Amino acid sequence: MAQRADYPVWFWLGCGAALALVPLWIGEPWMGDAWEQVLPLVSLWLALATGWAAYRIRRVRESISSPGTRWQLLAVLAPAAVVMLAGGIAWHYDRWQAPAAPLGTAAAVFVVVVGVGLCITDRPSRR
């Protein structure tokens, strides 16, 4: 039976939420000035808190220089970057209107990061 190996589910949920905030603070003019400095700080705090919790609770500690970690990072971030770029292009050319574009892009980024993250860590354990 397959077990979740490297990263727990909550790790991918936290990373997905942190990256999903990026389209919101890039496209924040529709939200107002109060969110201008709050969303980047919340996104950064959520990413750092998720990494710190993974290290403290599960002792997840990997070096970015290992080939396996680089592959996982590329597998998670490349689709998220493509989704963010596609959402930005759609918003730029008025295919989506103001609140729908950043919210839709944020939801798609969250689903992509969590889905890809869970897929790459759902592998049989090496016993």
Foldseek 3Di string as FASTA:
>chain_A
DWDQPQFDLVLLLLLLLLLLLVLCQVLVPVPDDVCNPVSPVVSVVSNVVSVVCCCVPVVRDDDCPDPVNVVLVCQQVVVLVVLSVVLVVCVVVVVDDRPCSSNVSSVVSSCSSSVSNRVVRGDHDDD
